[in-house]
């Protein structure tokens, strides 16, 4: 039986689950205490899934069966403030403003700290090599991940040329089909498991376009297809999509990569930033 918290395991595996298993995961996370007292038939009825799905889900989580899974829920709930708590930054109705400030600050600091611990220097160096050698770098993502791609493109453009955000999923595929091995793709996907990401990576591989993926899950389908993967920290709960802490983790990783690229020629970077600052000063009143 796994030693870690069952709710943490569900969160870690969430983006590798089937659609039916996700329905089950969502219910268990939101109704942990109730789930402890439910039979497998009752849980199957509540979630509208087959009992076999529950059995398969329990084994995926590392438990021999449903009984062991229910015991794990009970044990994990002892240290769990409420059924909704997935992250240290989870907010409750009775929280005061100072309390919620401390919770959110803690969650976001933890996201950076976890990301720092996951960084492999050789991968940062390889990523910097890839982006610096590319003629064009297309920055892509979906939803909240596209916001990260746009932020990265903006930051890199303050010093380097050739970084372009591409937001529409159709245009991402079209643009990728026109790239060559002299270009590169910088993709963002927290789950690493969106269909649009896999479409992009499939076309990129056919065109021999190098790909760099920023993701939480190194075991995801996208990570398996990308040429290089940078892992961010901060674990989102199944019902906490697009959390600020997860974005901060990715932004920190982008900042590390950008700084490594700048470090290699600080004088050039300084001149470029001064040039940009001079022209942008005309925008101020």
C-alpha atoms as a PDB file:
ATOM      1  CA  UNK A   1       0.000   0.000   0.000  1.00  0.00           C
ATOM      2  CA  UNK A   2       1.384   3.458  -0.864  1.00  0.00           C
ATOM      3  CA  UNK A   3       2.636   5.497   2.057  1.00  0.00           C
ATOM      4  CA  UNK A   4       1.761   8.955   0.728  1.00  0.00           C
ATOM      5  CA  UNK A   5      -1.570  10.770   1.006  1.00  0.00           C
ATOM      6  CA  UNK A   6      -4.242   9.282  -1.256  1.00  0.00           C
ATOM      7  CA  UNK A   7      -5.470  12.743  -2.279  1.00  0.00           C
ATOM      8  CA  UNK A   8      -1.942  13.694  -3.322  1.00  0.00           C
ATOM      9  CA  UNK A   9      -1.723  10.522  -5.406  1.00  0.00           C
ATOM     10  CA  UNK A  10      -5.004  11.348  -7.140  1.00  0.00           C
ATOM     11  CA  UNK A  11      -3.715  14.823  -7.929  1.00  0.00           C
ATOM     12  CA  UNK A  12      -0.401  13.519  -9.275  1.00  0.00           C
ATOM     13  CA  UNK A  13      -2.089  10.945 -11.530  1.00  0.00           C
ATOM     14  CA  UNK A  14      -5.112  13.022 -12.533  1.00  0.00           C
ATOM     15  CA  UNK A  15      -4.052  13.967 -16.060  1.00  0.00           C
ATOM     16  CA  UNK A  16      -3.234  10.351 -16.903  1.00  0.00           C
ATOM     17  CA  UNK A  17      -6.726   9.120 -15.932  1.00  0.00           C
ATOM     18  CA  UNK A  18      -9.474   8.139 -18.348  1.00  0.00           C
ATOM     19  CA  UNK A  19     -12.638  10.262 -18.553  1.00  0.00           C
ATOM     20  CA  UNK A  20     -14.521   7.843 -16.289  1.00  0.00           C
ATOM     21  CA  UNK A  21     -11.671   7.729 -13.795  1.00  0.00           C
ATOM     22  CA  UNK A  22     -11.594  11.535 -13.689  1.00  0.00           C
ATOM     23  CA  UNK A  23     -15.294  11.588 -12.787  1.00  0.00           C
ATOM     24  CA  UNK A  24     -14.487   9.213  -9.943  1.00  0.00           C
ATOM     25  CA  UNK A  25     -11.445  11.249  -8.855  1.00  0.00           C
ATOM     26  CA  UNK A  26     -13.462  14.473  -8.810  1.00  0.00           C
ATOM     27  CA  UNK A  27     -16.114  12.891  -6.615  1.00  0.00           C
ATOM     28  CA  UNK A  28     -13.643  11.341  -4.167  1.00  0.00           C
ATOM     29  CA  UNK A  29     -11.693  14.581  -3.794  1.00  0.00           C
ATOM     30  CA  UNK A  30     -14.844  16.614  -3.155  1.00  0.00           C
ATOM     31  CA  UNK A  31     -16.533  13.984  -0.939  1.00  0.00           C
ATOM     32  CA  UNK A  32     -13.709  12.166   0.826  1.00  0.00           C
ATOM     33  CA  UNK A  33     -15.482  11.721   4.153  1.00  0.00           C
ATOM     34  CA  UNK A  34     -18.651  10.427   2.539  1.00  0.00           C
ATOM     35  CA  UNK A  35     -16.716   8.055   0.292  1.00  0.00           C
ATOM     36  CA  UNK A  36     -15.264   6.276   3.335  1.00  0.00           C
ATOM     37  CA  UNK A  37     -18.698   4.860   4.222  1.00  0.00           C
ATOM     38  CA  UNK A  38     -19.900   4.010   0.714  1.00  0.00           C
ATOM     39  CA  UNK A  39     -19.940   0.578  -0.840  1.00  0.00           C
ATOM     40  CA  UNK A  40     -18.406   0.116  -4.269  1.00  0.00           C
ATOM     41  CA  UNK A  41     -21.916  -0.148  -5.747  1.00  0.00           C
ATOM     42  CA  UNK A  42     -23.016   3.091  -4.097  1.00  0.00           C
ATOM     43  CA  UNK A  43     -19.933   4.941  -5.323  1.00  0.00           C
ATOM     44  CA  UNK A  44     -20.404   3.568  -8.828  1.00  0.00           C
ATOM     45  CA  UNK A  45     -23.991   4.820  -8.817  1.00  0.00           C
ATOM     46  CA  UNK A  46     -23.055   8.286  -7.546  1.00  0.00           C
ATOM     47  CA  UNK A  47     -20.360   8.699 -10.192  1.00  0.00           C
ATOM     48  CA  UNK A  48     -22.243   6.935 -12.996  1.00  0.00           C
ATOM     49  CA  UNK A  49     -19.323   4.607 -13.680  1.00  0.00           C
ATOM     50  CA  UNK A  50     -18.920   0.843 -13.693  1.00  0.00           C
ATOM     51  CA  UNK A  51     -17.698  -0.990 -10.597  1.00  0.00           C
ATOM     52  CA  UNK A  52     -14.842  -2.290 -12.750  1.00  0.00           C
ATOM     53  CA  UNK A  53     -13.757   1.318 -13.296  1.00  0.00           C
ATOM     54  CA  UNK A  54     -13.506   1.818  -9.528  1.00  0.00           C
ATOM     55  CA  UNK A  55     -11.478  -1.370  -9.120  1.00  0.00           C
ATOM     56  CA  UNK A  56      -9.142  -0.318 -11.938  1.00  0.00           C
ATOM     57  CA  UNK A  57      -8.850   3.162 -10.440  1.00  0.00           C
ATOM     58  CA  UNK A  58      -7.903   1.772  -7.013  1.00  0.00           C
ATOM     59  CA  UNK A  59      -5.173  -0.371  -8.530  1.00  0.00           C
ATOM     60  CA  UNK A  60      -3.866   2.573 -10.548  1.00  0.00           C
ATOM     61  CA  UNK A  61      -3.540   4.450  -7.256  1.00  0.00           C
ATOM     62  CA  UNK A  62      -1.499   1.548  -5.873  1.00  0.00           C
ATOM     63  CA  UNK A  63      -4.147  -0.200  -3.737  1.00  0.00           C
ATOM     64  CA  UNK A  64      -5.138  -3.855  -4.003  1.00  0.00           C
ATOM     65  CA  UNK A  65      -8.825  -3.105  -4.006  1.00  0.00           C
ATOM     66  CA  UNK A  66     -11.644  -0.829  -2.958  1.00  0.00           C
ATOM     67  CA  UNK A  67     -11.435  -1.748   0.738  1.00  0.00           C
ATOM     68  CA  UNK A  68      -7.763  -0.761   0.898  1.00  0.00           C
ATOM     69  CA  UNK A  69      -8.594   2.428  -0.983  1.00  0.00           C
ATOM     70  CA  UNK A  70     -11.302   3.389   1.552  1.00  0.00           C
ATOM     71  CA  UNK A  71      -8.876   2.798   4.423  1.00  0.00           C
ATOM     72  CA  UNK A  72      -6.351   5.060   2.695  1.00  0.00           C
ATOM     73  CA  UNK A  73      -8.991   7.785   2.386  1.00  0.00           C
ATOM     74  CA  UNK A  74      -9.726   7.518   6.098  1.00  0.00           C
ATOM     75  CA  UNK A  75      -6.029   7.707   6.988  1.00  0.00           C
ATOM     76  CA  UNK A  76      -5.402  10.649   4.678  1.00  0.00           C
ATOM     77  CA  UNK A  77      -8.449  12.531   5.928  1.00  0.00           C
ATOM     78  CA  UNK A  78      -6.946  12.623   9.442  1.00  0.00           C
ATOM     79  CA  UNK A  79      -4.401  15.215   8.298  1.00  0.00           C
ATOM     80  CA  UNK A  80      -6.734  16.863   5.806  1.00  0.00           C
ATOM     81  CA  UNK A  81      -8.482  20.000   7.101  1.00  0.00           C
ATOM     82  CA  UNK A  82     -11.517  19.493   4.846  1.00  0.00           C
ATOM     83  CA  UNK A  83     -12.647  17.553   1.813  1.00  0.00           C
ATOM     84  CA  UNK A  84     -11.883  20.531  -0.436  1.00  0.00           C
ATOM     85  CA  UNK A  85      -8.282  21.019   0.690  1.00  0.00           C
ATOM     86  CA  UNK A  86      -5.906  20.116  -2.110  1.00  0.00           C
ATOM     87  CA  UNK A  87      -3.209  22.743  -1.732  1.00  0.00           C
ATOM     88  CA  UNK A  88      -1.810  24.735   1.172  1.00  0.00           C
ATOM     89  CA  UNK A  89      -3.469  27.760  -0.436  1.00  0.00           C
ATOM     90  CA  UNK A  90      -7.036  26.415  -0.308  1.00  0.00           C
ATOM     91  CA  UNK A  91      -9.422  29.095   0.958  1.00  0.00           C
ATOM     92  CA  UNK A  92     -12.443  28.577   3.248  1.00  0.00           C
ATOM     93  CA  UNK A  93     -15.496  30.740   3.849  1.00  0.00           C
ATOM     94  CA  UNK A  94     -14.465  31.520   7.438  1.00  0.00           C
ATOM     95  CA  UNK A  95     -10.932  32.648   6.521  1.00  0.00           C
ATOM     96  CA  UNK A  96     -10.051  36.246   7.305  1.00  0.00           C
ATOM     97  CA  UNK A  97      -8.146  38.394   4.803  1.00  0.00           C
ATOM     98  CA  UNK A  98      -4.846  38.020   6.754  1.00  0.00           C
ATOM     99  CA  UNK A  99      -5.316  34.230   6.844  1.00  0.00           C
ATOM    100  CA  UNK A 100      -6.032  33.905   3.135  1.00  0.00           C
ATOM    101  CA  UNK A 101      -3.041  36.161   2.401  1.00  0.00           C
ATOM    102  CA  UNK A 102      -0.783  33.844   4.395  1.00  0.00           C
ATOM    103  CA  UNK A 103      -2.238  30.737   2.724  1.00  0.00           C
ATOM    104  CA  UNK A 104      -1.790  32.065  -0.786  1.00  0.00           C
ATOM    105  CA  UNK A 105       1.696  33.389  -0.075  1.00  0.00           C
ATOM    106  CA  UNK A 106       2.641  29.985   1.321  1.00  0.00           C
ATOM    107  CA  UNK A 107       1.273  28.134  -1.709  1.00  0.00           C
ATOM    108  CA  UNK A 108       3.075  30.393  -4.147  1.00  0.00           C
ATOM    109  CA  UNK A 109       6.363  30.303  -2.262  1.00  0.00           C
ATOM    110  CA  UNK A 110       6.060  26.507  -2.146  1.00  0.00           C
ATOM    111  CA  UNK A 111       5.503  26.459  -5.920  1.00  0.00           C
ATOM    112  CA  UNK A 112       8.785  28.276  -6.534  1.00  0.00           C
ATOM    113  CA  UNK A 113      10.661  26.198  -3.960  1.00  0.00           C
ATOM    114  CA  UNK A 114       9.412  22.944  -5.464  1.00  0.00           C
ATOM    115  CA  UNK A 115      10.297  24.082  -8.976  1.00  0.00           C
ATOM    116  CA  UNK A 116      13.793  25.052  -7.856  1.00  0.00           C
ATOM    117  CA  UNK A 117      14.283  21.571  -6.422  1.00  0.00           C
ATOM    118  CA  UNK A 118      13.162  19.995  -9.711  1.00  0.00           C
ATOM    119  CA  UNK A 119      15.495  22.023 -11.925  1.00  0.00           C
ATOM    120  CA  UNK A 120      18.247  20.054 -13.637  1.00  0.00           C
ATOM    121  CA  UNK A 121      21.031  22.486 -14.632  1.00  0.00           C
ATOM    122  CA  UNK A 122      22.004  20.490 -17.699  1.00  0.00           C
ATOM    123  CA  UNK A 123      18.442  20.739 -19.031  1.00  0.00           C
ATOM    124  CA  UNK A 124      18.377  24.506 -18.529  1.00  0.00           C
ATOM    125  CA  UNK A 125      21.654  24.752 -20.433  1.00  0.00           C
ATOM    126  CA  UNK A 126      20.359  22.509 -23.215  1.00  0.00           C
ATOM    127  CA  UNK A 127      17.152  24.547 -23.438  1.00  0.00           C
ATOM    128  CA  UNK A 128      19.140  27.773 -23.675  1.00  0.00           C
ATOM    129  CA  UNK A 129      21.292  26.233 -26.433  1.00  0.00           C
ATOM    130  CA  UNK A 130      18.174  25.223 -28.335  1.00  0.00           C
ATOM    131  CA  UNK A 131      16.449  28.607 -28.172  1.00  0.00           C
ATOM    132  CA  UNK A 132      19.574  30.647 -28.891  1.00  0.00           C
ATOM    133  CA  UNK A 133      20.419  28.586 -31.978  1.00  0.00           C
ATOM    134  CA  UNK A 134      16.912  28.721 -33.481  1.00  0.00           C
ATOM    135  CA  UNK A 135      16.051  31.137 -36.288  1.00  0.00           C
ATOM    136  CA  UNK A 136      12.470  31.374 -35.005  1.00  0.00           C
ATOM    137  CA  UNK A 137      10.860  30.189 -31.770  1.00  0.00           C
ATOM    138  CA  UNK A 138       7.092  29.712 -31.762  1.00  0.00           C
ATOM    139  CA  UNK A 139       5.574  29.899 -28.273  1.00  0.00           C
ATOM    140  CA  UNK A 140       2.401  27.848 -27.899  1.00  0.00           C
ATOM    141  CA  UNK A 141      -0.105  26.574 -25.360  1.00  0.00           C
ATOM    142  CA  UNK A 142      -3.814  26.194 -24.654  1.00  0.00           C
ATOM    143  CA  UNK A 143      -5.944  28.185 -22.208  1.00  0.00           C
ATOM    144  CA  UNK A 144      -3.935  29.274 -19.182  1.00  0.00           C
ATOM    145  CA  UNK A 145      -0.843  27.683 -20.722  1.00  0.00           C
ATOM    146  CA  UNK A 146      -1.152  30.043 -23.702  1.00  0.00           C
ATOM    147  CA  UNK A 147      -0.933  32.950 -21.256  1.00  0.00           C
ATOM    148  CA  UNK A 148       2.412  31.512 -20.152  1.00  0.00           C
ATOM    149  CA  UNK A 149       3.511  31.188 -23.784  1.00  0.00           C
ATOM    150  CA  UNK A 150       2.630  34.822 -24.447  1.00  0.00           C
ATOM    151  CA  UNK A 151       4.435  35.933 -21.304  1.00  0.00           C
ATOM    152  CA  UNK A 152       7.543  33.985 -22.336  1.00  0.00           C
ATOM    153  CA  UNK A 153       7.478  35.424 -25.871  1.00  0.00           C
ATOM    154  CA  UNK A 154       7.177  38.935 -24.429  1.00  0.00           C
ATOM    155  CA  UNK A 155      10.070  38.455 -22.007  1.00  0.00           C
ATOM    156  CA  UNK A 156      12.427  36.883 -24.547  1.00  0.00           C
ATOM    157  CA  UNK A 157      11.625  39.575 -27.118  1.00  0.00           C
ATOM    158  CA  UNK A 158      12.972  42.293 -24.802  1.00  0.00           C
ATOM    159  CA  UNK A 159      16.442  40.949 -25.629  1.00  0.00           C
ATOM    160  CA  UNK A 160      16.265  38.333 -28.383  1.00  0.00           C
ATOM    161  CA  UNK A 161      14.655  38.354 -31.811  1.00  0.00           C
ATOM    162  CA  UNK A 162      12.586  35.620 -33.387  1.00  0.00           C
ATOM    163  CA  UNK A 163      10.144  34.764 -30.569  1.00  0.00           C
ATOM    164  CA  UNK A 164       6.475  34.678 -31.622  1.00  0.00           C
ATOM    165  CA  UNK A 165       3.320  33.597 -29.735  1.00  0.00           C
ATOM    166  CA  UNK A 166       0.771  31.564 -31.714  1.00  0.00           C
ATOM    167  CA  UNK A 167      -2.527  31.241 -29.856  1.00  0.00           C
ATOM    168  CA  UNK A 168      -5.090  29.616 -32.165  1.00  0.00           C
ATOM    169  CA  UNK A 169      -4.885  25.810 -32.189  1.00  0.00           C
ATOM    170  CA  UNK A 170      -5.413  25.622 -35.953  1.00  0.00           C
ATOM    171  CA  UNK A 171      -2.758  28.267 -36.598  1.00  0.00           C
ATOM    172  CA  UNK A 172      -0.401  26.384 -34.294  1.00  0.00           C
ATOM    173  CA  UNK A 173      -0.595  23.321 -36.520  1.00  0.00           C
ATOM    174  CA  UNK A 174      -0.368  25.398 -39.708  1.00  0.00           C
ATOM    175  CA  UNK A 175       2.621  27.368 -38.402  1.00  0.00           C
ATOM    176  CA  UNK A 176       4.382  24.221 -37.224  1.00  0.00           C
ATOM    177  CA  UNK A 177       3.972  22.643 -40.664  1.00  0.00           C
ATOM    178  CA  UNK A 178       5.945  25.569 -42.142  1.00  0.00           C
ATOM    179  CA  UNK A 179       8.854  25.365 -39.694  1.00  0.00           C
ATOM    180  CA  UNK A 180      12.180  23.634 -40.301  1.00  0.00           C
ATOM    181  CA  UNK A 181      14.865  22.035 -38.205  1.00  0.00           C
ATOM    182  CA  UNK A 182      16.453  25.496 -37.892  1.00  0.00           C
ATOM    183  CA  UNK A 183      13.436  26.692 -35.890  1.00  0.00           C
ATOM    184  CA  UNK A 184      12.045  25.590 -32.525  1.00  0.00           C
ATOM    185  CA  UNK A 185       8.804  25.328 -30.567  1.00  0.00           C
ATOM    186  CA  UNK A 186       8.489  26.388 -26.932  1.00  0.00           C
ATOM    187  CA  UNK A 187       5.291  24.773 -25.656  1.00  0.00           C
ATOM    188  CA  UNK A 188       3.535  25.101 -22.305  1.00  0.00           C
ATOM    189  CA  UNK A 189       1.135  22.480 -20.958  1.00  0.00           C
ATOM    190  CA  UNK A 190       0.649  21.920 -17.239  1.00  0.00           C
ATOM    191  CA  UNK A 191      -0.827  18.455 -17.818  1.00  0.00           C
ATOM    192  CA  UNK A 192       1.228  17.585 -20.886  1.00  0.00           C
ATOM    193  CA  UNK A 193      -1.834  15.692 -22.072  1.00  0.00           C
ATOM    194  CA  UNK A 194      -3.973  18.016 -24.208  1.00  0.00           C
ATOM    195  CA  UNK A 195      -4.947  16.845 -27.683  1.00  0.00           C
ATOM    196  CA  UNK A 196      -3.818  20.145 -29.208  1.00  0.00           C
ATOM    197  CA  UNK A 197      -0.314  19.749 -27.754  1.00  0.00           C
ATOM    198  CA  UNK A 198      -0.015  16.230 -29.125  1.00  0.00           C
ATOM    199  CA  UNK A 199      -1.154  17.466 -32.552  1.00  0.00           C
ATOM    200  CA  UNK A 200       1.592  20.112 -32.524  1.00  0.00           C
ATOM    201  CA  UNK A 201       4.273  17.663 -31.414  1.00  0.00           C
ATOM    202  CA  UNK A 202       3.225  15.149 -34.065  1.00  0.00           C
ATOM    203  CA  UNK A 203       3.587  17.728 -36.840  1.00  0.00           C
ATOM    204  CA  UNK A 204       6.836  19.045 -35.357  1.00  0.00           C
ATOM    205  CA  UNK A 205       8.339  15.565 -35.347  1.00  0.00           C
ATOM    206  CA  UNK A 206       7.356  15.069 -38.983  1.00  0.00           C
ATOM    207  CA  UNK A 207       8.988  18.396 -39.875  1.00  0.00           C
ATOM    208  CA  UNK A 208      12.028  17.672 -37.663  1.00  0.00           C
ATOM    209  CA  UNK A 209      11.362  20.822 -35.618  1.00  0.00           C
ATOM    210  CA  UNK A 210      13.026  20.741 -32.164  1.00  0.00           C
ATOM    211  CA  UNK A 211      10.507  21.042 -29.318  1.00  0.00           C
ATOM    212  CA  UNK A 212      10.862  22.252 -25.736  1.00  0.00           C
ATOM    213  CA  UNK A 213       7.983  21.552 -23.329  1.00  0.00           C
ATOM    214  CA  UNK A 214       7.335  23.152 -19.932  1.00  0.00           C
ATOM    215  CA  UNK A 215       5.055  20.847 -17.923  1.00  0.00           C
ATOM    216  CA  UNK A 216       4.300  19.498 -14.465  1.00  0.00           C
ATOM    217  CA  UNK A 217       4.273  15.858 -15.489  1.00  0.00           C
ATOM    218  CA  UNK A 218       7.377  14.284 -17.005  1.00  0.00           C
ATOM    219  CA  UNK A 219       5.469  11.044 -17.539  1.00  0.00           C
ATOM    220  CA  UNK A 220       2.764  12.674 -19.649  1.00  0.00           C
ATOM    221  CA  UNK A 221       2.145  11.854 -23.347  1.00  0.00           C
ATOM    222  CA  UNK A 222       3.436  15.281 -24.341  1.00  0.00           C
ATOM    223  CA  UNK A 223       6.646  14.869 -22.382  1.00  0.00           C
ATOM    224  CA  UNK A 224       7.236  11.545 -24.115  1.00  0.00           C
ATOM    225  CA  UNK A 225       7.029  13.260 -27.514  1.00  0.00           C
ATOM    226  CA  UNK A 226       8.955  16.488 -26.798  1.00  0.00           C
ATOM    227  CA  UNK A 227      12.695  16.661 -27.467  1.00  0.00           C
ATOM    228  CA  UNK A 228      13.408  18.446 -24.199  1.00  0.00           C
ATOM    229  CA  UNK A 229      11.290  18.829 -21.054  1.00  0.00           C
ATOM    230  CA  UNK A 230      11.505  21.341 -18.211  1.00  0.00           C
ATOM    231  CA  UNK A 231       9.456  20.401 -15.162  1.00  0.00           C
ATOM    232  CA  UNK A 232       7.682  22.969 -13.002  1.00  0.00           C
ATOM    233  CA  UNK A 233       6.479  22.447  -9.440  1.00  0.00           C
ATOM    234  CA  UNK A 234       3.111  23.216  -7.806  1.00  0.00           C
ATOM    235  CA  UNK A 235       0.507  20.475  -7.847  1.00  0.00           C
ATOM    236  CA  UNK A 236      -3.017  21.513  -8.786  1.00  0.00           C
ATOM    237  CA  UNK A 237      -5.984  19.627  -7.450  1.00  0.00           C
ATOM    238  CA  UNK A 238      -8.442  18.099  -9.936  1.00  0.00           C
ATOM    239  CA  UNK A 239     -10.902  20.948  -9.268  1.00  0.00           C
ATOM    240  CA  UNK A 240      -8.276  23.693  -9.160  1.00  0.00           C
ATOM    241  CA  UNK A 241      -7.433  24.234 -12.808  1.00  0.00           C
ATOM    242  CA  UNK A 242      -5.327  27.217 -13.826  1.00  0.00           C
ATOM    243  CA  UNK A 243      -4.180  28.094 -10.314  1.00  0.00           C
ATOM    244  CA  UNK A 244      -1.992  31.154  -9.812  1.00  0.00           C
ATOM    245  CA  UNK A 245       0.582  29.067  -7.924  1.00  0.00           C
ATOM    246  CA  UNK A 246       1.019  26.800 -10.960  1.00  0.00           C
ATOM    247  CA  UNK A 247       1.514  29.830 -13.204  1.00  0.00           C
ATOM    248  CA  UNK A 248       4.045  31.322 -10.829  1.00  0.00           C
ATOM    249  CA  UNK A 249       5.982  28.043 -10.912  1.00  0.00           C
ATOM    250  CA  UNK A 250       6.112  28.213 -14.717  1.00  0.00           C
ATOM    251  CA  UNK A 251       7.035  31.903 -14.715  1.00  0.00           C
ATOM    252  CA  UNK A 252       9.903  31.188 -12.344  1.00  0.00           C
ATOM    253  CA  UNK A 253      11.154  28.489 -14.690  1.00  0.00           C
ATOM    254  CA  UNK A 254      10.894  30.879 -17.655  1.00  0.00           C
ATOM    255  CA  UNK A 255      12.844  33.486 -15.678  1.00  0.00           C
ATOM    256  CA  UNK A 256      15.597  30.968 -14.949  1.00  0.00           C
ATOM    257  CA  UNK A 257      15.832  30.018 -18.624  1.00  0.00           C
ATOM    258  CA  UNK A 258      15.800  33.656 -19.759  1.00  0.00           C
ATOM    259  CA  UNK A 259      18.515  34.561 -17.233  1.00  0.00           C
ATOM    260  CA  UNK A 260      20.711  31.683 -18.406  1.00  0.00           C
ATOM    261  CA  UNK A 261      20.376  32.895 -21.980  1.00  0.00           C
ATOM    262  CA  UNK A 262      21.248  36.458 -20.962  1.00  0.00           C
ATOM    263  CA  UNK A 263      24.159  35.335 -18.777  1.00  0.00           C
ATOM    264  CA  UNK A 264      26.039  34.116 -21.829  1.00  0.00           C
ATOM    265  CA  UNK A 265      26.350  37.649 -23.225  1.00  0.00           C
ATOM    266  CA  UNK A 266      25.414  40.183 -20.569  1.00  0.00           C
ATOM    267  CA  UNK A 267      26.798  43.172 -22.484  1.00  0.00           C
ATOM    268  CA  UNK A 268      24.662  42.388 -25.525  1.00  0.00           C
ATOM    269  CA  UNK A 269      21.575  41.892 -23.358  1.00  0.00           C
ATOM    270  CA  UNK A 270      22.160  45.189 -21.603  1.00  0.00           C
ATOM    271  CA  UNK A 271      22.461  47.039 -24.925  1.00  0.00           C
ATOM    272  CA  UNK A 272      19.285  45.439 -26.254  1.00  0.00           C
ATOM    273  CA  UNK A 273      17.303  46.306 -23.140  1.00  0.00           C
ATOM    274  CA  UNK A 274      18.568  49.878 -23.196  1.00  0.00           C
ATOM    275  CA  UNK A 275      17.518  50.164 -26.846  1.00  0.00           C
ATOM    276  CA  UNK A 276      14.024  48.834 -26.083  1.00  0.00           C
ATOM    277  CA  UNK A 277      13.705  51.088 -23.041  1.00  0.00           C
ATOM    278  CA  UNK A 278      14.647  54.145 -25.118  1.00  0.00           C
ATOM    279  CA  UNK A 279      11.991  53.457 -27.737  1.00  0.00           C
ATOM    280  CA  UNK A 280       9.330  52.570 -25.168  1.00  0.00           C
ATOM    281  CA  UNK A 281      10.012  55.791 -23.279  1.00  0.00           C
ATOM    282  CA  UNK A 282       8.234  57.569 -26.132  1.00  0.00           C
ATOM    283  CA  UNK A 283       5.059  55.762 -25.079  1.00  0.00           C
ATOM    284  CA  UNK A 284       5.030  57.502 -21.704  1.00  0.00           C
ATOM    285  CA  UNK A 285       3.420  60.884 -21.108  1.00  0.00           C
END
